[in-house]
Protein backbone atom coordinates (compact mmCIF):
# COMPACT_ATOMS: atom_id res chain seq x y z
CA UNK A 1 100.55 69.08 121.59
CA UNK A 2 99.35 72.19 122.68
CA UNK A 3 102.29 74.44 123.19
CA UNK A 4 103.39 73.62 119.81
CA UNK A 5 100.36 75.13 118.60
CA UNK A 6 101.71 78.45 120.98
CA UNK A 7 104.64 78.33 119.55
CA UNK A 8 102.85 79.08 115.88
CA UNK A 9 100.79 81.10 117.45
CA UNK A 10 103.21 83.45 118.73
CA UNK A 11 105.41 82.77 115.72
CA UNK A 12 102.27 84.41 112.95
CA UNK A 13 101.81 86.50 115.51
CA UNK A 14 105.32 88.10 115.64
CA UNK A 15 105.18 88.09 111.65
CA UNK A 16 102.35 89.68 111.86
CA UNK A 17 103.78 92.74 112.85
CA UNK A 18 106.10 92.63 109.74
CA UNK A 19 103.01 92.83 108.18
CA UNK A 20 102.66 96.51 109.58
CA UNK A 21 104.02 99.24 107.07
CA UNK A 22 107.53 100.24 106.35
CA UNK A 23 106.40 104.12 107.04
CA UNK A 24 107.97 107.11 105.88
CA UNK A 25 110.12 107.94 108.53
CA UNK A 26 110.32 111.81 107.66
CA UNK A 27 111.70 113.78 104.94
CA UNK A 28 112.83 110.83 103.12
CA UNK A 29 109.52 109.87 101.87
CA UNK A 30 109.33 105.63 102.45
CA UNK A 31 105.60 104.51 101.09
CA UNK A 32 103.49 102.46 103.17
CA UNK A 33 103.97 99.58 102.21
CA UNK A 34 103.73 95.91 103.03
CA UNK A 35 106.87 94.72 105.14
CA UNK A 36 107.51 91.47 103.47
CA UNK A 37 103.81 89.53 104.38
CA UNK A 38 100.40 90.79 103.04
CA UNK A 39 98.54 88.88 105.39
CA UNK A 40 98.48 85.66 104.82
CA UNK A 41 99.85 84.48 108.48
CA UNK A 42 96.79 85.34 111.52
CA UNK A 43 97.81 85.32 114.98
CA UNK A 44 95.65 82.57 115.25
CA UNK A 45 98.15 80.33 112.58
CA UNK A 46 98.39 80.20 108.96
CA UNK A 47 95.48 80.59 107.13
CA UNK A 48 93.43 77.88 105.94
CA UNK A 49 91.67 77.15 102.24
CA UNK A 50 89.02 79.09 102.25
CA UNK A 51 89.27 81.66 105.01
CA UNK A 52 89.20 85.38 105.20
CA UNK A 53 91.72 88.01 106.66
CA UNK A 54 90.54 91.00 107.27
CA UNK A 55 93.23 93.62 109.69
CA UNK A 56 93.68 96.41 110.20
CA UNK A 57 96.81 98.92 111.48
CA UNK A 58 96.28 102.02 112.91
CA UNK A 59 100.61 104.01 112.63
CA UNK A 60 102.35 106.95 113.90
CA UNK A 61 104.96 109.10 113.89
CA UNK A 62 106.67 112.40 113.87
CA UNK A 63 110.02 112.99 111.96
CA UNK A 64 111.90 116.18 113.83
CA UNK A 65 116.13 115.56 113.98
CA UNK A 66 117.56 117.34 110.79
CA UNK A 67 120.52 114.95 109.41
CA UNK A 68 123.34 115.22 106.80
CA UNK A 69 125.29 111.61 106.22
CA UNK A 70 124.22 109.99 109.61
CA UNK A 71 125.53 113.17 111.15
CA UNK A 72 122.70 115.17 113.13
CA UNK A 73 122.40 118.75 112.20
CA UNK A 74 120.53 119.73 115.97
CA UNK A 75 121.36 123.28 116.07
CA UNK A 76 118.06 122.86 113.50
CA UNK A 77 115.95 121.98 116.93
CA UNK A 78 117.99 124.54 119.30
CA UNK A 79 117.27 127.11 116.68
CA UNK A 80 113.53 126.05 116.23
CA UNK A 81 114.25 125.75 112.29
CA UNK A 82 113.23 121.99 111.99
CA UNK A 83 110.94 121.09 109.77
CA UNK A 84 108.07 118.55 111.63
CA UNK A 85 106.12 115.79 109.39
CA UNK A 86 103.47 114.57 111.86
CA UNK A 87 101.16 111.04 110.03
CA UNK A 88 98.52 109.54 110.98
CA UNK A 89 97.80 106.60 108.53
CA UNK A 90 95.54 103.60 108.76
CA UNK A 91 95.94 100.68 106.43
CA UNK A 92 92.65 98.28 105.87
CA UNK A 93 93.72 94.37 104.25
CA UNK A 94 91.35 91.51 103.46
CA UNK A 95 92.98 88.31 102.12
CA UNK A 96 92.24 85.43 100.99
CA UNK A 97 93.21 82.15 101.55
CA UNK A 98 93.17 80.44 97.97
CA UNK A 99 94.92 77.20 99.29
CA UNK A 100 96.44 76.36 102.80
CA UNK A 101 99.83 77.10 101.01
CA UNK A 102 98.69 79.96 98.97
CA UNK A 103 97.55 83.59 99.63
CA UNK A 104 96.24 87.00 98.30
CA UNK A 105 95.57 89.90 100.12
CA UNK A 106 94.65 93.64 99.21
CA UNK A 107 95.28 96.54 100.65
CA UNK A 108 94.26 100.31 100.96
CA UNK A 109 96.10 102.83 103.20
CA UNK A 110 94.99 105.91 104.02
CA UNK A 111 96.76 108.66 105.24
CA UNK A 112 96.83 111.78 106.75
CA UNK A 113 99.78 114.31 106.25
CA UNK A 114 100.79 117.64 108.16
CA UNK A 115 103.73 119.39 107.73
CA UNK A 116 104.74 122.28 109.54
CA UNK A 117 108.31 124.49 107.98
CA UNK A 118 110.01 127.60 107.79
CA UNK A 119 111.61 127.67 104.90
CA UNK A 120 109.38 126.63 102.34
CA UNK A 121 107.70 129.88 103.54
CA UNK A 122 108.71 132.86 104.53
CA UNK A 123 111.92 130.97 105.34
CA UNK A 124 114.18 130.16 108.36
CA UNK A 125 116.44 133.46 108.53
CA UNK A 126 115.51 136.58 110.93
CA UNK A 127 115.62 139.19 107.62
CA UNK A 128 113.38 137.23 105.33
CA UNK A 129 111.13 135.93 108.68
CA UNK A 130 111.49 138.38 111.92
CA UNK A 131 109.27 136.17 113.60
CA UNK A 132 109.95 132.89 112.89
CA UNK A 133 106.02 132.41 111.61
CA UNK A 134 105.48 128.34 111.58
CA UNK A 135 102.95 127.07 108.07
CA UNK A 136 101.59 124.38 107.90
CA UNK A 137 101.00 121.97 104.67
CA UNK A 138 99.28 118.61 104.51
CA UNK A 139 98.01 115.99 103.01
CA UNK A 140 95.09 113.29 102.93
CA UNK A 141 93.24 110.68 101.18
CA UNK A 142 94.16 107.42 99.58
CA UNK A 143 97.56 105.86 98.99
CA UNK A 144 99.46 103.10 96.76
CA UNK A 145 97.10 100.31 97.03
CA UNK A 146 99.21 96.92 96.13
CA UNK A 147 97.91 93.45 96.08
CA UNK A 148 99.55 90.37 96.40
CA UNK A 149 99.83 86.42 96.61
CA UNK A 150 102.39 84.95 98.62
CA UNK A 151 103.47 80.94 99.19
CA UNK A 152 104.74 78.90 101.88
CA UNK A 153 107.33 76.79 100.59
CA UNK A 154 106.64 74.00 103.11
CA UNK A 155 103.42 72.71 104.29
CA UNK A 156 101.98 74.71 107.34
CA UNK A 157 100.15 71.99 108.56
CA UNK A 158 102.94 69.46 108.38
CA UNK A 159 106.15 72.38 109.06
CA UNK A 160 105.07 73.35 112.23
CA UNK A 161 109.00 73.66 113.35
CA UNK A 162 109.26 75.92 110.61
CA UNK A 163 108.44 77.69 107.35
CA UNK A 164 109.49 80.16 104.54
CA UNK A 165 106.82 81.99 102.30
CA UNK A 166 108.36 84.02 99.53
CA UNK A 167 105.39 86.83 97.91
CA UNK A 168 105.04 88.73 94.16
CA UNK A 169 103.25 91.80 94.68
CA UNK A 170 101.60 94.46 92.56
CA UNK A 171 101.43 98.87 93.70
CA UNK A 172 99.15 100.80 91.75
CA UNK A 173 99.26 103.89 91.91
CA UNK A 174 96.73 104.84 93.35
CA UNK A 175 97.61 107.84 95.72
CA UNK A 176 97.44 111.48 94.51
CA UNK A 177 101.34 112.27 93.88
CA UNK A 178 100.62 116.16 93.05
CA UNK A 179 98.62 117.09 96.62
CA UNK A 180 99.00 120.62 96.17
CA UNK A 181 98.38 123.66 99.33
CA UNK A 182 98.54 126.84 99.83
CA UNK A 183 102.59 128.38 100.71
CA UNK A 184 103.15 132.25 102.74
CA UNK A 185 105.32 134.32 101.28
CA UNK A 186 105.93 137.54 102.48
CA UNK A 187 106.69 140.42 100.63
CA UNK A 188 109.77 143.11 101.77
CA UNK A 189 106.59 145.67 103.24
CA UNK A 190 105.85 142.69 105.51
CA UNK A 191 102.70 141.65 103.63
CA UNK A 192 100.93 138.48 103.38
CA UNK A 193 99.95 136.49 100.40
CA UNK A 194 99.58 132.83 99.00
CA UNK A 195 100.76 130.66 96.07
CA UNK A 196 99.26 127.56 95.21
CA UNK A 197 101.91 124.42 94.78
CA UNK A 198 102.70 121.22 95.52
CA UNK A 199 103.77 120.08 99.03
CA UNK A 200 106.93 117.93 99.68
CA UNK A 201 107.95 114.71 98.27
CA UNK A 202 107.49 113.58 101.61
CA UNK A 203 103.64 114.43 102.39
CA UNK A 204 102.46 113.44 98.78
CA UNK A 205 99.74 110.56 98.59
CA UNK A 206 101.72 107.86 96.43
CA UNK A 207 104.69 108.05 93.81
CA UNK A 208 102.75 107.93 90.64
CA UNK A 209 103.92 104.93 89.37
CA UNK A 210 103.03 101.63 88.97
CA UNK A 211 105.12 98.52 91.17
CA UNK A 212 106.51 95.01 91.34
CA UNK A 213 107.70 94.14 95.23
CA UNK A 214 108.59 91.11 96.43
CA UNK A 215 109.13 89.94 99.69
CA UNK A 216 109.86 86.92 101.98
CA UNK A 217 108.96 86.30 105.64
CA UNK A 218 109.36 83.06 107.98
CA UNK A 219 110.23 81.42 111.20
CA UNK A 220 111.81 78.60 112.98
CA UNK A 221 111.29 77.23 116.89
CA UNK A 222 113.93 77.69 118.97
CA UNK A 223 113.99 76.27 122.76
CA UNK A 224 111.27 76.49 124.93
CA UNK A 225 108.52 78.96 123.89
CA UNK A 226 110.87 81.25 121.24
CA UNK A 227 111.43 81.02 117.83
CA UNK A 228 113.11 82.88 115.12
CA UNK A 229 111.28 84.59 113.01
CA UNK A 230 112.96 86.52 109.51
CA UNK A 231 111.15 89.47 106.65
CA UNK A 232 112.33 91.24 103.53
CA UNK A 233 110.67 93.62 101.10
CA UNK A 234 112.02 95.37 98.14
CA UNK A 235 109.92 97.25 95.34
CA UNK A 236 111.11 97.45 92.30
CA UNK A 237 109.68 101.33 90.80
CA UNK A 238 110.74 101.27 86.80
CA UNK A 239 109.38 104.78 86.28
CA UNK A 240 112.16 107.69 86.23
CA UNK A 241 109.93 110.32 87.79
CA UNK A 242 106.55 111.46 87.62
CA UNK A 243 104.93 114.45 86.98
CA UNK A 244 105.07 116.77 90.12
CA UNK A 245 107.24 119.80 89.62
CA UNK A 246 109.87 119.65 92.93
CA UNK A 247 108.03 122.18 95.23
CA UNK A 248 106.23 123.58 92.62
CA UNK A 249 109.18 126.56 90.73
CA UNK A 250 109.17 125.45 86.75
CA UNK A 251 112.76 127.00 86.98
CA UNK A 252 114.56 124.26 84.69
CA UNK A 253 111.87 121.63 83.34
CA UNK A 254 115.47 119.69 81.93
CA UNK A 255 117.07 119.51 85.37
CA UNK A 256 117.35 116.08 86.97
CA UNK A 257 115.61 116.93 89.86
CA UNK A 258 113.37 119.12 88.32
CA UNK A 259 110.46 116.41 88.96
CA UNK A 260 110.01 114.16 91.85
CA UNK A 261 110.98 111.02 91.24
CA UNK A 262 109.62 107.54 91.38
CA UNK A 263 111.94 105.24 93.65
CA UNK A 264 112.92 101.82 95.07
CA UNK A 265 113.17 101.14 99.06
CA UNK A 266 113.01 97.83 100.73
CA UNK A 267 113.24 97.28 104.56
CA UNK A 268 114.26 93.84 106.25
CA UNK A 269 113.48 92.41 110.28
CA UNK A 270 115.41 89.72 111.99
CA UNK A 271 114.28 88.73 115.96
CA UNK A 272 112.54 86.18 118.23
CA UNK A 273 109.19 86.12 119.67
CA UNK A 274 108.74 84.14 123.18
CA UNK A 275 105.49 83.11 124.72
CA UNK A 276 104.81 85.31 127.68
CA UNK A 277 101.46 83.32 128.99
CA UNK A 278 100.66 80.74 126.15
CA UNK A 279 97.13 79.59 127.97
CA UNK A 280 96.11 83.91 127.91
CA UNK A 281 97.74 83.52 124.64
CA UNK A 282 100.15 87.27 125.65
CA UNK A 283 103.01 87.18 123.58
CA UNK A 284 106.09 89.50 123.14
CA UNK A 285 109.15 89.87 120.30
CA UNK A 286 112.07 92.18 120.23
CA UNK A 287 113.99 92.49 117.09
CA UNK A 288 115.86 94.84 114.67
CA UNK A 289 115.05 96.46 111.52
CA UNK A 290 116.25 98.63 108.54
CA UNK A 291 114.35 100.91 106.03
CA UNK A 292 114.78 102.83 103.37
CA UNK A 293 115.12 103.94 100.44
CA UNK A 294 118.57 103.79 97.84
CA UNK A 295 120.16 106.32 96.17
CA UNK A 296 119.74 104.41 92.93
CA UNK A 297 117.05 101.93 91.99
CA UNK A 298 117.60 98.38 90.27
CA UNK A 299 115.28 98.77 86.98
CA UNK A 300 115.77 101.99 85.18
CA UNK A 301 116.77 105.17 85.62
CA UNK A 302 117.73 106.94 89.45
CA UNK A 303 116.73 111.32 87.93
CA UNK A 304 114.50 113.56 89.82
CA UNK A 305 113.91 114.90 93.06
CA UNK A 306 114.41 112.11 95.64
CA UNK A 307 115.84 112.50 99.65
CA UNK A 308 117.81 108.74 99.99
CA UNK A 309 118.39 107.81 102.97
CA UNK A 310 117.99 104.57 105.67
CA UNK A 311 117.33 103.95 109.14
CA UNK A 312 117.99 101.13 111.42
CA UNK A 313 115.44 100.85 115.03
CA UNK A 314 115.79 98.21 117.39
CA UNK A 315 111.25 97.06 117.75
CA UNK A 316 109.68 95.87 120.73
CA UNK A 317 106.60 94.23 120.45
CA UNK A 318 103.06 91.67 121.99
CA UNK A 319 100.74 90.59 121.14
CA UNK A 320 97.92 89.75 122.39
CA UNK A 321 94.85 86.87 121.11
CA UNK A 322 91.76 86.25 121.56
CA UNK A 323 90.01 83.25 119.55
CA UNK A 324 90.26 84.96 116.00
CA UNK A 325 91.38 88.01 117.43
CA UNK A 326 94.11 90.13 117.90
CA UNK A 327 95.47 92.36 119.73
CA UNK A 328 99.74 93.53 118.44
CA UNK A 329 101.13 96.38 119.46
CA UNK A 330 104.99 97.75 118.05
CA UNK A 331 107.43 100.86 118.38
CA UNK A 332 110.13 99.94 116.23
CA UNK A 333 113.02 103.34 118.11
CA UNK A 334 115.54 104.63 116.05
CA UNK A 335 119.03 103.82 116.83
CA UNK A 336 120.77 105.36 113.17
CA UNK A 337 119.73 107.01 110.58
CA UNK A 338 121.57 107.91 107.85
CA UNK A 339 120.59 111.16 104.72
CA UNK A 340 123.20 109.32 101.83
CA UNK A 341 123.87 111.03 98.69
CA UNK A 342 121.12 111.00 95.76
CA UNK A 343 121.85 110.13 92.46
CA UNK A 344 122.06 113.71 91.95
CA UNK A 345 124.34 114.62 94.75
CA UNK A 346 126.75 111.88 93.49
CA UNK A 347 126.43 113.96 90.13
CA UNK A 348 127.13 116.97 90.94
CA UNK A 349 130.24 115.48 93.21
CA UNK A 350 132.07 114.33 90.35
CA UNK A 351 131.50 117.66 88.54
CA UNK A 352 133.09 119.53 90.91
CA UNK A 353 134.52 117.67 93.74
CA UNK A 354 133.02 119.30 95.92
CA UNK A 355 131.18 116.44 97.99
CA UNK A 356 127.48 117.52 98.27
CA UNK A 357 124.79 115.91 100.74
CA UNK A 358 121.13 116.56 101.25
CA UNK A 359 119.81 116.61 104.51
CA UNK A 360 116.47 114.79 106.12
CA UNK A 361 114.41 115.15 109.14
CA UNK A 362 113.47 111.59 111.20
CA UNK A 363 111.44 110.63 113.80
CA UNK A 364 112.52 109.24 116.97
CA UNK A 365 110.26 106.06 116.85
CA UNK A 366 106.85 104.62 115.49
CA UNK A 367 104.01 103.36 116.90
CA UNK A 368 102.19 100.50 115.14
CA UNK A 369 98.58 99.17 116.31
CA UNK A 370 97.01 96.44 114.73
CA UNK A 371 93.60 94.56 114.77
CA UNK A 372 92.85 91.77 112.88
CA UNK A 373 90.33 88.84 112.66
CA UNK A 374 89.67 85.68 111.01
CA UNK A 375 86.50 84.12 109.59
CA UNK A 376 85.43 81.55 107.32
CA UNK A 377 86.29 78.18 108.02
CA UNK A 378 88.07 77.08 111.99
CA UNK A 379 91.52 78.34 112.57
CA UNK A 380 94.63 76.13 111.85
CA UNK A 381 95.16 76.17 115.23
CA UNK A 382 92.41 74.05 116.81
CA UNK A 383 93.05 71.54 113.89
CA UNK A 384 94.51 68.00 115.00
CA UNK A 385 97.78 67.76 113.38
CA UNK A 386 99.39 64.24 112.78
CA UNK A 387 101.14 63.12 116.06
CA UNK A 388 103.79 61.99 113.82
CA UNK A 389 104.58 65.85 113.07
CA UNK A 390 103.41 66.81 116.92
CA UNK A 391 107.31 68.20 118.57
CA UNK A 392 107.37 68.84 122.33
CA UNK A 393 108.08 72.75 123.13
CA UNK A 394 110.97 70.50 125.92
CA UNK A 395 113.04 68.50 123.18
CA UNK A 396 114.15 71.58 121.38
CA UNK A 397 115.87 72.48 124.44
């Protein structure tokens, strides 16, 4: 009985990791967004009717490796012309369980971006930038908030060996999609001047559109203290473009890449969790994940400027829970990165017959640190489960 509950704890602990955002891993502008779980599960069990959960997740990454397709342009780092994006973000979440099977969650991301480059200012070449001077731009504030409802297909009280949850959410354009900063320009005589214009798409706080996200999560006990977990997420962004000019240059507003695209995004995870020390609440997990943005949206047009691409990572994680309090640390490590052709790249390739693809910078890894706290009614793990649904772990071997 107790070991069954311990397995349930580690499973939902692992799923909690999936609550953390699919965070932009560089110039591929994947916005901070819930990855297939809104927080309706808790490390001490499924949230019961009338319970609340507060969560705070901190995330960090540094992107600097440039790719065209899946080919890394190593010379960018060697020459010192790479673009470096550094992100610190905190995602605040509050969940209320309407019933044992239905939960409502509000997530508010607070983001700090810093971007340094040569090409956006004096340029990459020695003729335009003899000292190879690097300047910074940035953005900070609230990102795009989201409100999500999740539903467990089976009663969590009896479905202790496995369950599936589906969710439907709304993404609100609360993040500023037209953050502006100072850009340096160097005259022929070496003098410096400043221009104010929108920062790069990858560090804008929001995308400027309303969105609809579908998500799924689930788990299945396997053997011993091990369990399988999976989750998936897709954000539909019907709006074509927002009002932010690409690089702030109103050269040709009729161009399909003049304004920033409001792009879809997606993520999926699959892995195994294991209760290392059931009595102390320590567990570990290992899985794979894919995240990115497509070159074309499923609903609406796909014009505007975007850098599509995806990242495949291996994702180790550890978690420690103490009663209603949980700490989770995960660090997805990139195994494969691909900057794919955008909609405009494909059009240009068809028009000219010459293959065209842009580049993007990616990170080597992310760091996710989560703290969550559940309060209200008693946690599910301390409830008395009916003996007829209690499955001893030994029988799963």
